Amino acid sequence: NNELNLHENDVTGNVTFVAHRIDVSGARTEFTAYSNGVLFFADSDAFPTMTLNPSGGRWEGMIYNRRGVPSDTIEGGQIRISGSNGFQHVGTIIGWAVTLGGNGWSLFGTENATFEPMRLVE
């Protein structure tokens, strides 16, 4: 299991983060998706899979956890985003469960998101 833990201020770049578990926080981070429009990608049912706590700054790209929940709980595979201080996310968020918190931040969707088609299975 690989993990990404990034807790820094004033970090910028064209990036695609791929890990089993992703934990990112910091002030004034500026990220633009590097690969296929994807900014953060995980394929995990860990709880939570992604914890993102940006303060200020701007992220452009998809936040995507591909794996769903292994049991009857909605907690596995969860993406948690808690923005503040004028943070902006431009892109798509795809996950089994998404929890949004914080205050003073904005989300802007994009029309041309590139992602693996999702399928419903009965």
PDB file of N, CA and C in Angstrom:
ATOM      1  N   ASN A   1       0.839  -1.188   0.000  1.00  0.00           N
ATOM      2  CA  ASN A   1       0.000   0.000   0.000  1.00  0.00           C
ATOM      3  C   ASN A   1       0.880   1.246   0.000  1.00  0.00           C
ATOM      4  N   ASN A   2       0.681   2.086  -0.982  1.00  0.00           N
ATOM      5  CA  ASN A   2       1.432   3.330  -1.012  1.00  0.00           C
ATOM      6  C   ASN A   2       0.537   4.488  -0.599  1.00  0.00           C
ATOM      7  N   GLU A   3       1.133   5.475   0.048  1.00  0.00           N
ATOM      8  CA  GLU A   3       0.402   6.634   0.526  1.00  0.00           C
ATOM      9  C   GLU A   3       1.091   7.900   0.094  1.00  0.00           C
ATOM     10  N   LEU A   4       0.305   8.939  -0.164  1.00  0.00           N
ATOM     11  CA  LEU A   4       0.821  10.268  -0.420  1.00  0.00           C
ATOM     12  C   LEU A   4       0.411  11.145   0.745  1.00  0.00           C
ATOM     13  N   ASN A   5       1.384  11.731   1.420  1.00  0.00           N
ATOM     14  CA  ASN A   5       1.134  12.693   2.485  1.00  0.00           C
ATOM     15  C   ASN A   5       1.871  13.971   2.121  1.00  0.00           C
ATOM     16  N   LEU A   6       1.133  15.010   1.773  1.00  0.00           N
ATOM     17  CA  LEU A   6       1.718  16.289   1.382  1.00  0.00           C
ATOM     18  C   LEU A   6       1.072  17.372   2.226  1.00  0.00           C
ATOM     19  N   HIS A   7       1.860  17.972   3.105  1.00  0.00           N
ATOM     20  CA  HIS A   7       1.358  19.004   4.016  1.00  0.00           C
ATOM     21  C   HIS A   7       2.312  20.191   3.958  1.00  0.00           C
ATOM     22  N   GLU A   8       2.225  20.936   2.866  1.00  0.00           N
ATOM     23  CA  GLU A   8       3.140  22.051   2.623  1.00  0.00           C
ATOM     24  C   GLU A   8       2.372  23.266   2.123  1.00  0.00           C
ATOM     25  N   ASN A   9       2.957  24.428   2.284  1.00  0.00           N
ATOM     26  CA  ASN A   9       2.388  25.674   1.790  1.00  0.00           C
ATOM     27  C   ASN A   9       3.129  26.122   0.534  1.00  0.00           C
ATOM     28  N   ASP A  10       2.453  26.901  -0.306  1.00  0.00           N
ATOM     29  CA  ASP A  10       3.050  27.528  -1.488  1.00  0.00           C
ATOM     30  C   ASP A  10       3.673  26.528  -2.457  1.00  0.00           C
ATOM     31  N   VAL A  11       2.996  25.403  -2.683  1.00  0.00           N
ATOM     32  CA  VAL A  11       3.461  24.391  -3.635  1.00  0.00           C
ATOM     33  C   VAL A  11       2.667  24.557  -4.925  1.00  0.00           C
ATOM     34  N   THR A  12       3.357  24.533  -6.076  1.00  0.00           N
ATOM     35  CA  THR A  12       2.693  24.662  -7.360  1.00  0.00           C
ATOM     36  C   THR A  12       3.212  23.609  -8.321  1.00  0.00           C
ATOM     37  N   GLY A  13       2.420  23.283  -9.347  1.00  0.00           N
ATOM     38  CA  GLY A  13       2.919  22.387 -10.376  1.00  0.00           C
ATOM     39  C   GLY A  13       1.834  21.738 -11.204  1.00  0.00           C
ATOM     40  N   ASN A  14       2.265  21.182 -12.340  1.00  0.00           N
ATOM     41  CA  ASN A  14       1.421  20.334 -13.184  1.00  0.00           C
ATOM     42  C   ASN A  14       1.674  18.915 -12.724  1.00  0.00           C
ATOM     43  N   VAL A  15       0.672  18.294 -12.110  1.00  0.00           N
ATOM     44  CA  VAL A  15       0.893  17.015 -11.433  1.00  0.00           C
ATOM     45  C   VAL A  15      -0.292  16.077 -11.596  1.00  0.00           C
ATOM     46  N   THR A  16      -0.036  14.795 -11.444  1.00  0.00           N
ATOM     47  CA  THR A  16      -1.061  13.784 -11.254  1.00  0.00           C
ATOM     48  C   THR A  16      -0.584  12.915 -10.103  1.00  0.00           C
ATOM     49  N   PHE A  17      -1.315  12.942  -8.996  1.00  0.00           N
ATOM     50  CA  PHE A  17      -0.968  12.152  -7.826  1.00  0.00           C
ATOM     51  C   PHE A  17      -1.728  10.834  -7.886  1.00  0.00           C
ATOM     52  N   VAL A  18      -1.010   9.720  -7.773  1.00  0.00           N
ATOM     53  CA  VAL A  18      -1.620   8.391  -7.786  1.00  0.00           C
ATOM     54  C   VAL A  18      -1.114   7.641  -6.560  1.00  0.00           C
ATOM     55  N   ALA A  19      -2.026   7.199  -5.694  1.00  0.00           N
ATOM     56  CA  ALA A  19      -1.636   6.469  -4.495  1.00  0.00           C
ATOM     57  C   ALA A  19      -2.841   5.710  -3.953  1.00  0.00           C
ATOM     58  N   HIS A  20      -2.565   4.752  -3.076  1.00  0.00           N
ATOM     59  CA  HIS A  20      -3.624   3.983  -2.410  1.00  0.00           C
ATOM     60  C   HIS A  20      -4.430   4.893  -1.488  1.00  0.00           C
ATOM     61  N   ARG A  21      -3.731   5.741  -0.762  1.00  0.00           N
ATOM     62  CA  ARG A  21      -4.359   6.700   0.148  1.00  0.00           C
ATOM     63  C   ARG A  21      -3.696   8.046  -0.046  1.00  0.00           C
ATOM     64  N   ILE A  22      -4.492   9.123  -0.123  1.00  0.00           N
ATOM     65  CA  ILE A  22      -3.982  10.466  -0.399  1.00  0.00           C
ATOM     66  C   ILE A  22      -4.437  11.411   0.703  1.00  0.00           C
ATOM     67  N   ASP A  23      -3.472  12.126   1.306  1.00  0.00           N
ATOM     68  CA  ASP A  23      -3.741  13.088   2.367  1.00  0.00           C
ATOM     69  C   ASP A  23      -2.961  14.363   2.025  1.00  0.00           C
ATOM     70  N   VAL A  24      -3.681  15.429   1.655  1.00  0.00           N
ATOM     71  CA  VAL A  24      -3.035  16.666   1.200  1.00  0.00           C
ATOM     72  C   VAL A  24      -3.640  17.852   1.936  1.00  0.00           C
ATOM     73  N   SER A  25      -2.782  18.717   2.452  1.00  0.00           N
ATOM     74  CA  SER A  25      -3.229  19.975   3.037  1.00  0.00           C
ATOM     75  C   SER A  25      -2.135  21.008   2.798  1.00  0.00           C
ATOM     76  N   GLY A  26      -2.500  22.251   2.981  1.00  0.00           N
ATOM     77  CA  GLY A  26      -1.530  23.324   2.812  1.00  0.00           C
ATOM     78  C   GLY A  26      -2.214  24.584   2.331  1.00  0.00           C
ATOM     79  N   ALA A  27      -1.519  25.687   2.466  1.00  0.00           N
ATOM     80  CA  ALA A  27      -2.041  26.983   2.054  1.00  0.00           C
ATOM     81  C   ALA A  27      -1.446  27.388   0.714  1.00  0.00           C
ATOM     82  N   ARG A  28      -2.287  28.009  -0.092  1.00  0.00           N
ATOM     83  CA  ARG A  28      -1.859  28.596  -1.364  1.00  0.00           C
ATOM     84  C   ARG A  28      -1.222  27.579  -2.318  1.00  0.00           C
ATOM     85  N   THR A  29      -1.782  26.365  -2.391  1.00  0.00           N
ATOM     86  CA  THR A  29      -1.289  25.369  -3.349  1.00  0.00           C
ATOM     87  C   THR A  29      -1.974  25.594  -4.692  1.00  0.00           C
ATOM     88  N   GLU A  30      -1.194  25.467  -5.762  1.00  0.00           N
ATOM     89  CA  GLU A  30      -1.685  25.683  -7.127  1.00  0.00           C
ATOM     90  C   GLU A  30      -1.321  24.448  -7.940  1.00  0.00           C
ATOM     91  N   PHE A  31      -2.315  23.574  -8.212  1.00  0.00           N
ATOM     92  CA  PHE A  31      -2.069  22.344  -8.966  1.00  0.00           C
ATOM     93  C   PHE A  31      -2.930  22.330 -10.232  1.00  0.00           C
ATOM     94  N   THR A  32      -2.320  21.911 -11.328  1.00  0.00           N
ATOM     95  CA  THR A  32      -3.020  21.676 -12.589  1.00  0.00           C
ATOM     96  C   THR A  32      -2.760  20.237 -12.986  1.00  0.00           C
ATOM     97  N   ALA A  33      -3.801  19.547 -13.439  1.00  0.00           N
ATOM     98  CA  ALA A  33      -3.677  18.132 -13.808  1.00  0.00           C
ATOM     99  C   ALA A  33      -2.664  17.957 -14.931  1.00  0.00           C
ATOM    100  N   TYR A  34      -1.831  16.943 -14.793  1.00  0.00           N
ATOM    101  CA  TYR A  34      -0.788  16.647 -15.768  1.00  0.00           C
ATOM    102  C   TYR A  34      -1.216  15.554 -16.747  1.00  0.00           C
ATOM    103  N   SER A  35      -1.782  14.458 -16.255  1.00  0.00           N
ATOM    104  CA  SER A  35      -2.080  13.294 -17.091  1.00  0.00           C
ATOM    105  C   SER A  35      -3.588  13.073 -17.240  1.00  0.00           C
ATOM    106  N   ASN A  36      -4.088  13.128 -18.456  1.00  0.00           N
ATOM    107  CA  ASN A  36      -5.495  12.837 -18.780  1.00  0.00           C
ATOM    108  C   ASN A  36      -6.497  13.645 -17.967  1.00  0.00           C
ATOM    109  N   GLY A  37      -6.148  14.827 -17.555  1.00  0.00           N
ATOM    110  CA  GLY A  37      -7.064  15.667 -16.795  1.00  0.00           C
ATOM    111  C   GLY A  37      -7.244  15.253 -15.350  1.00  0.00           C
ATOM    112  N   VAL A  38      -6.425  14.282 -14.880  1.00  0.00           N
ATOM    113  CA  VAL A  38      -6.572  13.753 -13.520  1.00  0.00           C
ATOM    114  C   VAL A  38      -5.563  14.412 -12.584  1.00  0.00           C
ATOM    115  N   LEU A  39      -6.067  14.942 -11.484  1.00  0.00           N
ATOM    116  CA  LEU A  39      -5.223  15.559 -10.471  1.00  0.00           C
ATOM    117  C   LEU A  39      -4.878  14.570  -9.356  1.00  0.00           C
ATOM    118  N   PHE A  40      -5.912  13.917  -8.783  1.00  0.00           N
ATOM    119  CA  PHE A  40      -5.729  12.907  -7.743  1.00  0.00           C
ATOM    120  C   PHE A  40      -6.446  11.635  -8.177  1.00  0.00           C
ATOM    121  N   PHE A  41      -5.756  10.482  -8.102  1.00  0.00           N
ATOM    122  CA  PHE A  41      -6.357   9.204  -8.460  1.00  0.00           C
ATOM    123  C   PHE A  41      -6.018   8.156  -7.419  1.00  0.00           C
ATOM    124  N   ALA A  42      -7.034   7.446  -6.946  1.00  0.00           N
ATOM    125  CA  ALA A  42      -6.830   6.324  -6.037  1.00  0.00           C
ATOM    126  C   ALA A  42      -7.722   5.176  -6.499  1.00  0.00           C
ATOM    127  N   ASP A  43      -7.301   3.978  -6.173  1.00  0.00           N
ATOM    128  CA  ASP A  43      -8.078   2.774  -6.473  1.00  0.00           C
ATOM    129  C   ASP A  43      -8.147   1.993  -5.170  1.00  0.00           C
ATOM    130  N   SER A  44      -8.905   2.536  -4.211  1.00  0.00           N
ATOM    131  CA  SER A  44      -8.835   2.019  -2.850  1.00  0.00           C
ATOM    132  C   SER A  44     -10.199   2.037  -2.173  1.00  0.00           C
ATOM    133  N   ASP A  45     -10.388   1.099  -1.241  1.00  0.00           N
ATOM    134  CA  ASP A  45     -11.581   1.125  -0.399  1.00  0.00           C
ATOM    135  C   ASP A  45     -11.214   1.496   1.035  1.00  0.00           C
ATOM    136  N   ALA A  46     -10.024   2.062   1.220  1.00  0.00           N
ATOM    137  CA  ALA A  46      -9.601   2.526   2.543  1.00  0.00           C
ATOM    138  C   ALA A  46     -10.553   3.621   3.019  1.00  0.00           C
ATOM    139  N   PHE A  47     -10.612   3.827   4.323  1.00  0.00           N
ATOM    140  CA  PHE A  47     -11.484   4.874   4.862  1.00  0.00           C
ATOM    141  C   PHE A  47     -10.672   5.907   5.614  1.00  0.00           C
ATOM    142  N   PRO A  48     -10.766   7.171   5.266  1.00  0.00           N
ATOM    143  CA  PRO A  48     -11.180   7.637   3.945  1.00  0.00           C
ATOM    144  C   PRO A  48     -10.032   7.438   2.961  1.00  0.00           C
ATOM    145  N   THR A  49     -10.336   7.325   1.702  1.00  0.00           N
ATOM    146  CA  THR A  49      -9.307   7.160   0.687  1.00  0.00           C
ATOM    147  C   THR A  49      -8.548   8.455   0.474  1.00  0.00           C
ATOM    148  N   MET A  50      -9.266   9.569   0.416  1.00  0.00           N
ATOM    149  CA  MET A  50      -8.638  10.877   0.211  1.00  0.00           C
ATOM    150  C   MET A  50      -9.111  11.856   1.267  1.00  0.00           C
ATOM    151  N   THR A  51      -8.154  12.559   1.858  1.00  0.00           N
ATOM    152  CA  THR A  51      -8.440  13.656   2.763  1.00  0.00           C
ATOM    153  C   THR A  51      -7.721  14.867   2.207  1.00  0.00           C
ATOM    154  N   LEU A  52      -8.481  15.838   1.740  1.00  0.00           N
ATOM    155  CA  LEU A  52      -7.923  17.013   1.080  1.00  0.00           C
ATOM    156  C   LEU A  52      -8.371  18.253   1.835  1.00  0.00           C
ATOM    157  N   ASN A  53      -7.410  19.027   2.359  1.00  0.00           N
ATOM    158  CA  ASN A  53      -7.712  20.202   3.171  1.00  0.00           C
ATOM    159  C   ASN A  53      -6.962  21.428   2.661  1.00  0.00           C
ATOM    160  N   PRO A  54      -7.337  21.939   1.487  1.00  0.00           N
ATOM    161  CA  PRO A  54      -6.652  23.106   0.942  1.00  0.00           C
ATOM    162  C   PRO A  54      -7.124  24.403   1.584  1.00  0.00           C
ATOM    163  N   SER A  55      -6.211  25.338   1.726  1.00  0.00           N
ATOM    164  CA  SER A  55      -6.518  26.662   2.247  1.00  0.00           C
ATOM    165  C   SER A  55      -5.984  27.677   1.245  1.00  0.00           C
ATOM    166  N   GLY A  56      -6.890  28.361   0.564  1.00  0.00           N
ATOM    167  CA  GLY A  56      -6.462  29.258  -0.510  1.00  0.00           C
ATOM    168  C   GLY A  56      -5.943  28.454  -1.688  1.00  0.00           C
ATOM    169  N   GLY A  57      -5.550  29.126  -2.734  1.00  0.00           N
ATOM    170  CA  GLY A  57      -4.998  28.449  -3.901  1.00  0.00           C
ATOM    171  C   GLY A  57      -6.077  27.952  -4.848  1.00  0.00           C
ATOM    172  N   ARG A  58      -5.638  27.157  -5.839  1.00  0.00           N
ATOM    173  CA  ARG A  58      -6.549  26.676  -6.883  1.00  0.00           C
ATOM    174  C   ARG A  58      -6.056  25.337  -7.404  1.00  0.00           C
ATOM    175  N   TRP A  59      -6.968  24.400  -7.570  1.00  0.00           N
ATOM    176  CA  TRP A  59      -6.673  23.097  -8.173  1.00  0.00           C
ATOM    177  C   TRP A  59      -7.543  22.946  -9.407  1.00  0.00           C
ATOM    178  N   GLU A  60      -6.918  22.485 -10.494  1.00  0.00           N
ATOM    179  CA  GLU A  60      -7.660  22.237 -11.728  1.00  0.00           C
ATOM    180  C   GLU A  60      -7.435  20.797 -12.148  1.00  0.00           C
ATOM    181  N   GLY A  61      -8.513  20.007 -12.167  1.00  0.00           N
ATOM    182  CA  GLY A  61      -8.422  18.617 -12.591  1.00  0.00           C
ATOM    183  C   GLY A  61      -9.368  17.721 -11.825  1.00  0.00           C
ATOM    184  N   MET A  62      -9.418  16.481 -12.254  1.00  0.00           N
ATOM    185  CA  MET A  62     -10.320  15.500 -11.671  1.00  0.00           C
ATOM    186  C   MET A  62      -9.763  14.907 -10.372  1.00  0.00           C
ATOM    187  N   ILE A  63     -10.644  14.722  -9.422  1.00  0.00           N
ATOM    188  CA  ILE A  63     -10.354  14.016  -8.185  1.00  0.00           C
ATOM    189  C   ILE A  63     -11.171  12.723  -8.267  1.00  0.00           C
ATOM    190  N   TYR A  64     -10.486  11.571  -8.283  1.00  0.00           N
ATOM    191  CA  TYR A  64     -11.167  10.328  -8.664  1.00  0.00           C
ATOM    192  C   TYR A  64     -10.710   9.153  -7.814  1.00  0.00           C
ATOM    193  N   ASN A  65     -11.663   8.526  -7.109  1.00  0.00           N
ATOM    194  CA  ASN A  65     -11.406   7.242  -6.478  1.00  0.00           C
ATOM    195  C   ASN A  65     -12.250   6.208  -7.196  1.00  0.00           C
ATOM    196  N   ARG A  66     -11.603   5.273  -7.839  1.00  0.00           N
ATOM    197  CA  ARG A  66     -12.269   4.318  -8.702  1.00  0.00           C
ATOM    198  C   ARG A  66     -12.970   3.191  -7.954  1.00  0.00           C
ATOM    199  N   ARG A  67     -12.462   2.832  -6.801  1.00  0.00           N
ATOM    200  CA  ARG A  67     -13.001   1.659  -6.114  1.00  0.00           C
ATOM    201  C   ARG A  67     -14.157   2.013  -5.202  1.00  0.00           C
ATOM    202  N   GLY A  68     -15.122   1.130  -5.159  1.00  0.00           N
ATOM    203  CA  GLY A  68     -16.275   1.310  -4.285  1.00  0.00           C
ATOM    204  C   GLY A  68     -16.070   0.652  -2.940  1.00  0.00           C
ATOM    205  N   VAL A  69     -17.155   0.424  -2.290  1.00  0.00           N
ATOM    206  CA  VAL A  69     -17.148  -0.091  -0.928  1.00  0.00           C
ATOM    207  C   VAL A  69     -17.206  -1.619  -0.934  1.00  0.00           C
ATOM    208  N   PRO A  70     -16.357  -2.297  -0.133  1.00  0.00           N
ATOM    209  CA  PRO A  70     -16.339  -3.749  -0.123  1.00  0.00           C
ATOM    210  C   PRO A  70     -17.466  -4.375   0.682  1.00  0.00           C
ATOM    211  N   SER A  71     -18.187  -3.571   1.456  1.00  0.00           N
ATOM    212  CA  SER A  71     -19.242  -4.129   2.311  1.00  0.00           C
ATOM    213  C   SER A  71     -20.491  -3.261   2.199  1.00  0.00           C
ATOM    214  N   ASP A  72     -21.373  -3.357   3.184  1.00  0.00           N
ATOM    215  CA  ASP A  72     -22.615  -2.593   3.128  1.00  0.00           C
ATOM    216  C   ASP A  72     -22.489  -1.206   3.755  1.00  0.00           C
ATOM    217  N   THR A  73     -21.305  -0.759   4.081  1.00  0.00           N
ATOM    218  CA  THR A  73     -21.104   0.576   4.637  1.00  0.00           C
ATOM    219  C   THR A  73     -20.779   1.563   3.532  1.00  0.00           C
ATOM    220  N   ILE A  74     -21.132   2.833   3.695  1.00  0.00           N
ATOM    221  CA  ILE A  74     -20.796   3.830   2.690  1.00  0.00           C
ATOM    222  C   ILE A  74     -19.482   4.533   3.002  1.00  0.00           C
ATOM    223  N   GLU A  75     -18.772   4.094   4.025  1.00  0.00           N
ATOM    224  CA  GLU A  75     -17.573   4.816   4.434  1.00  0.00           C
ATOM    225  C   GLU A  75     -16.345   4.495   3.600  1.00  0.00           C
ATOM    226  N   GLY A  76     -16.188   3.260   3.159  1.00  0.00           N
ATOM    227  CA  GLY A  76     -14.994   2.905   2.395  1.00  0.00           C
ATOM    228  C   GLY A  76     -14.932   3.660   1.091  1.00  0.00           C
ATOM    229  N   GLY A  77     -13.730   4.029   0.675  1.00  0.00           N
ATOM    230  CA  GLY A  77     -13.548   4.721  -0.586  1.00  0.00           C
ATOM    231  C   GLY A  77     -13.955   6.177  -0.562  1.00  0.00           C
ATOM    232  N   GLN A  78     -14.164   6.723   0.611  1.00  0.00           N
ATOM    233  CA  GLN A  78     -14.665   8.083   0.727  1.00  0.00           C
ATOM    234  C   GLN A  78     -13.614   9.142   0.390  1.00  0.00           C
ATOM    235  N   ILE A  79     -14.077  10.207  -0.265  1.00  0.00           N
ATOM    236  CA  ILE A  79     -13.266  11.392  -0.528  1.00  0.00           C
ATOM    237  C   ILE A  79     -13.776  12.491   0.393  1.00  0.00           C
ATOM    238  N   ARG A  80     -12.888  13.070   1.192  1.00  0.00           N
ATOM    239  CA  ARG A  80     -13.254  14.177   2.084  1.00  0.00           C
ATOM    240  C   ARG A  80     -12.491  15.421   1.648  1.00  0.00           C
ATOM    241  N   ILE A  81     -13.223  16.488   1.352  1.00  0.00           N
ATOM    242  CA  ILE A  81     -12.597  17.754   0.975  1.00  0.00           C
ATOM    243  C   ILE A  81     -13.120  18.828   1.909  1.00  0.00           C
ATOM    244  N   SER A  82     -12.203  19.548   2.540  1.00  0.00           N
ATOM    245  CA  SER A  82     -12.570  20.630   3.444  1.00  0.00           C
ATOM    246  C   SER A  82     -11.737  21.856   3.077  1.00  0.00           C
ATOM    247  N   GLY A  83     -12.291  22.705   2.216  1.00  0.00           N
ATOM    248  CA  GLY A  83     -11.557  23.879   1.745  1.00  0.00           C
ATOM    249  C   GLY A  83     -11.819  25.101   2.600  1.00  0.00           C
ATOM    250  N   SER A  84     -10.947  26.106   2.430  1.00  0.00           N
ATOM    251  CA  SER A  84     -11.120  27.362   3.166  1.00  0.00           C
ATOM    252  C   SER A  84     -10.328  28.480   2.487  1.00  0.00           C
ATOM    253  N   ASN A  85     -10.557  29.699   2.966  1.00  0.00           N
ATOM    254  CA  ASN A  85      -9.787  30.884   2.577  1.00  0.00           C
ATOM    255  C   ASN A  85      -9.738  31.137   1.073  1.00  0.00           C
ATOM    256  N   GLY A  86     -10.889  31.019   0.406  1.00  0.00           N
ATOM    257  CA  GLY A  86     -10.961  31.343  -1.008  1.00  0.00           C
ATOM    258  C   GLY A  86     -10.450  30.267  -1.949  1.00  0.00           C
ATOM    259  N   PHE A  87     -10.192  29.055  -1.445  1.00  0.00           N
ATOM    260  CA  PHE A  87      -9.742  27.961  -2.309  1.00  0.00           C
ATOM    261  C   PHE A  87     -10.743  27.726  -3.437  1.00  0.00           C
ATOM    262  N   GLN A  88     -10.229  27.359  -4.627  1.00  0.00           N
ATOM    263  CA  GLN A  88     -11.082  27.037  -5.768  1.00  0.00           C
ATOM    264  C   GLN A  88     -10.676  25.692  -6.345  1.00  0.00           C
ATOM    265  N   HIS A  89     -11.669  24.850  -6.611  1.00  0.00           N
ATOM    266  CA  HIS A  89     -11.425  23.604  -7.357  1.00  0.00           C
ATOM    267  C   HIS A  89     -12.219  23.681  -8.652  1.00  0.00           C
ATOM    268  N   VAL A  90     -11.509  23.492  -9.766  1.00  0.00           N
ATOM    269  CA  VAL A  90     -12.141  23.467 -11.083  1.00  0.00           C
ATOM    270  C   VAL A  90     -11.965  22.059 -11.609  1.00  0.00           C
ATOM    271  N   GLY A  91     -13.051  21.306 -11.726  1.00  0.00           N
ATOM    272  CA  GLY A  91     -12.942  19.942 -12.207  1.00  0.00           C
ATOM    273  C   GLY A  91     -14.069  19.068 -11.701  1.00  0.00           C
ATOM    274  N   THR A  92     -13.864  17.784 -11.859  1.00  0.00           N
ATOM    275  CA  THR A  92     -14.852  16.770 -11.518  1.00  0.00           C
ATOM    276  C   THR A  92     -14.393  16.022 -10.277  1.00  0.00           C
ATOM    277  N   ILE A  93     -15.347  15.617  -9.433  1.00  0.00           N
ATOM    278  CA  ILE A  93     -15.047  14.785  -8.274  1.00  0.00           C
ATOM    279  C   ILE A  93     -15.861  13.505  -8.430  1.00  0.00           C
ATOM    280  N   ILE A  94     -15.172  12.353  -8.444  1.00  0.00           N
ATOM    281  CA  ILE A  94     -15.853  11.071  -8.602  1.00  0.00           C
ATOM    282  C   ILE A  94     -15.385  10.141  -7.491  1.00  0.00           C
ATOM    283  N   GLY A  95     -16.327   9.622  -6.720  1.00  0.00           N
ATOM    284  CA  GLY A  95     -15.991   8.694  -5.649  1.00  0.00           C
ATOM    285  C   GLY A  95     -17.247   8.004  -5.158  1.00  0.00           C
ATOM    286  N   TRP A  96     -17.075   6.931  -4.418  1.00  0.00           N
ATOM    287  CA  TRP A  96     -18.201   6.194  -3.864  1.00  0.00           C
ATOM    288  C   TRP A  96     -19.002   7.089  -2.923  1.00  0.00           C
ATOM    289  N   ALA A  97     -18.297   7.830  -2.095  1.00  0.00           N
ATOM    290  CA  ALA A  97     -18.920   8.783  -1.181  1.00  0.00           C
ATOM    291  C   ALA A  97     -18.019  10.009  -1.120  1.00  0.00           C
ATOM    292  N   VAL A  98     -18.618  11.181  -1.210  1.00  0.00           N
ATOM    293  CA  VAL A  98     -17.872  12.434  -1.170  1.00  0.00           C
ATOM    294  C   VAL A  98     -18.447  13.288  -0.051  1.00  0.00           C
ATOM    295  N   THR A  99     -17.572  13.765   0.838  1.00  0.00           N
ATOM    296  CA  THR A  99     -17.975  14.648   1.923  1.00  0.00           C
ATOM    297  C   THR A  99     -17.275  15.981   1.738  1.00  0.00           C
ATOM    298  N   LEU A 100     -18.056  17.054   1.672  1.00  0.00           N
ATOM    299  CA  LEU A 100     -17.510  18.401   1.501  1.00  0.00           C
ATOM    300  C   LEU A 100     -17.723  19.194   2.777  1.00  0.00           C
ATOM    301  N   GLY A 101     -16.688  19.914   3.211  1.00  0.00           N
ATOM    302  CA  GLY A 101     -16.778  20.720   4.413  1.00  0.00           C
ATOM    303  C   GLY A 101     -15.938  21.968   4.285  1.00  0.00           C
ATOM    304  N   GLY A 102     -15.805  22.690   5.375  1.00  0.00           N
ATOM    305  CA  GLY A 102     -15.023  23.923   5.388  1.00  0.00           C
ATOM    306  C   GLY A 102     -15.900  25.125   5.130  1.00  0.00           C
ATOM    307  N   ASN A 103     -15.266  26.256   4.801  1.00  0.00           N
ATOM    308  CA  ASN A 103     -16.023  27.464   4.482  1.00  0.00           C
ATOM    309  C   ASN A 103     -15.179  28.397   3.625  1.00  0.00           C
ATOM    310  N   GLY A 104     -15.869  29.227   2.851  1.00  0.00           N
ATOM    311  CA  GLY A 104     -15.181  30.222   2.041  1.00  0.00           C
ATOM    312  C   GLY A 104     -14.408  29.644   0.870  1.00  0.00           C
ATOM    313  N   TRP A 105     -14.956  28.629   0.202  1.00  0.00           N
ATOM    314  CA  TRP A 105     -14.284  28.061  -0.961  1.00  0.00           C
ATOM    315  C   TRP A 105     -15.307  27.764  -2.041  1.00  0.00           C
ATOM    316  N   SER A 106     -14.824  27.453  -3.275  1.00  0.00           N
ATOM    317  CA  SER A 106     -15.710  27.301  -4.421  1.00  0.00           C
ATOM    318  C   SER A 106     -15.384  26.063  -5.234  1.00  0.00           C
ATOM    319  N   LEU A 107     -16.427  25.484  -5.835  1.00  0.00           N
ATOM    320  CA  LEU A 107     -16.291  24.365  -6.766  1.00  0.00           C
ATOM    321  C   LEU A 107     -16.841  24.788  -8.114  1.00  0.00           C
ATOM    322  N   PHE A 108     -16.110  24.455  -9.188  1.00  0.00           N
ATOM    323  CA  PHE A 108     -16.550  24.747 -10.538  1.00  0.00           C
ATOM    324  C   PHE A 108     -16.396  23.478 -11.362  1.00  0.00           C
ATOM    325  N   GLY A 109     -17.490  22.966 -11.906  1.00  0.00           N
ATOM    326  CA  GLY A 109     -17.445  21.760 -12.724  1.00  0.00           C
ATOM    327  C   GLY A 109     -16.880  22.046 -14.106  1.00  0.00           C
ATOM    328  N   THR A 110     -16.517  20.968 -14.802  1.00  0.00           N
ATOM    329  CA  THR A 110     -16.029  21.091 -16.168  1.00  0.00           C
ATOM    330  C   THR A 110     -16.849  20.183 -17.069  1.00  0.00           C
ATOM    331  N   GLU A 111     -17.052  20.602 -18.306  1.00  0.00           N
ATOM    332  CA  GLU A 111     -17.840  19.824 -19.250  1.00  0.00           C
ATOM    333  C   GLU A 111     -17.092  18.635 -19.813  1.00  0.00           C
ATOM    334  N   ASN A 112     -15.834  18.793 -20.106  1.00  0.00           N
ATOM    335  CA  ASN A 112     -15.094  17.792 -20.868  1.00  0.00           C
ATOM    336  C   ASN A 112     -14.210  16.922 -19.996  1.00  0.00           C
ATOM    337  N   ALA A 113     -14.750  16.400 -18.911  1.00  0.00           N
ATOM    338  CA  ALA A 113     -13.975  15.533 -18.027  1.00  0.00           C
ATOM    339  C   ALA A 113     -13.686  14.208 -18.727  1.00  0.00           C
ATOM    340  N   THR A 114     -12.453  13.721 -18.583  1.00  0.00           N
ATOM    341  CA  THR A 114     -12.059  12.439 -19.146  1.00  0.00           C
ATOM    342  C   THR A 114     -11.959  11.444 -18.003  1.00  0.00           C
ATOM    343  N   PHE A 115     -12.758  10.387 -18.043  1.00  0.00           N
ATOM    344  CA  PHE A 115     -12.680   9.378 -16.993  1.00  0.00           C
ATOM    345  C   PHE A 115     -13.233   8.069 -17.504  1.00  0.00           C
ATOM    346  N   GLU A 116     -12.916   7.020 -16.801  1.00  0.00           N
ATOM    347  CA  GLU A 116     -13.424   5.685 -17.145  1.00  0.00           C
ATOM    348  C   GLU A 116     -14.935   5.677 -16.929  1.00  0.00           C
ATOM    349  N   PRO A 117     -15.707   5.203 -17.908  1.00  0.00           N
ATOM    350  CA  PRO A 117     -17.167   5.173 -17.737  1.00  0.00           C
ATOM    351  C   PRO A 117     -17.558   4.357 -16.495  1.00  0.00           C
ATOM    352  N   MET A 118     -18.568   4.849 -15.781  1.00  0.00           N
ATOM    353  CA  MET A 118     -19.039   4.147 -14.605  1.00  0.00           C
ATOM    354  C   MET A 118     -20.210   3.259 -15.016  1.00  0.00           C
ATOM    355  N   ARG A 119     -20.334   2.105 -14.388  1.00  0.00           N
ATOM    356  CA  ARG A 119     -21.399   1.169 -14.697  1.00  0.00           C
ATOM    357  C   ARG A 119     -22.130   0.774 -13.421  1.00  0.00           C
ATOM    358  N   LEU A 120     -23.441   0.650 -13.518  1.00  0.00           N
ATOM    359  CA  LEU A 120     -24.226   0.155 -12.392  1.00  0.00           C
ATOM    360  C   LEU A 120     -24.364  -1.355 -12.545  1.00  0.00           C
ATOM    361  N   VAL A 121     -24.133  -2.077 -11.476  1.00  0.00           N
ATOM    362  CA  VAL A 121     -24.224  -3.540 -11.505  1.00  0.00           C
ATOM    363  C   VAL A 121     -25.266  -3.978 -10.498  1.00  0.00           C
ATOM    364  N   GLU A 122     -26.178  -4.851 -10.914  1.00  0.00           N
ATOM    365  CA  GLU A 122     -27.200  -5.360  -9.983  1.00  0.00           C
ATOM    366  C   GLU A 122     -26.878  -6.778  -9.605  1.00  0.00           C
TER     367      GLU A 122
END
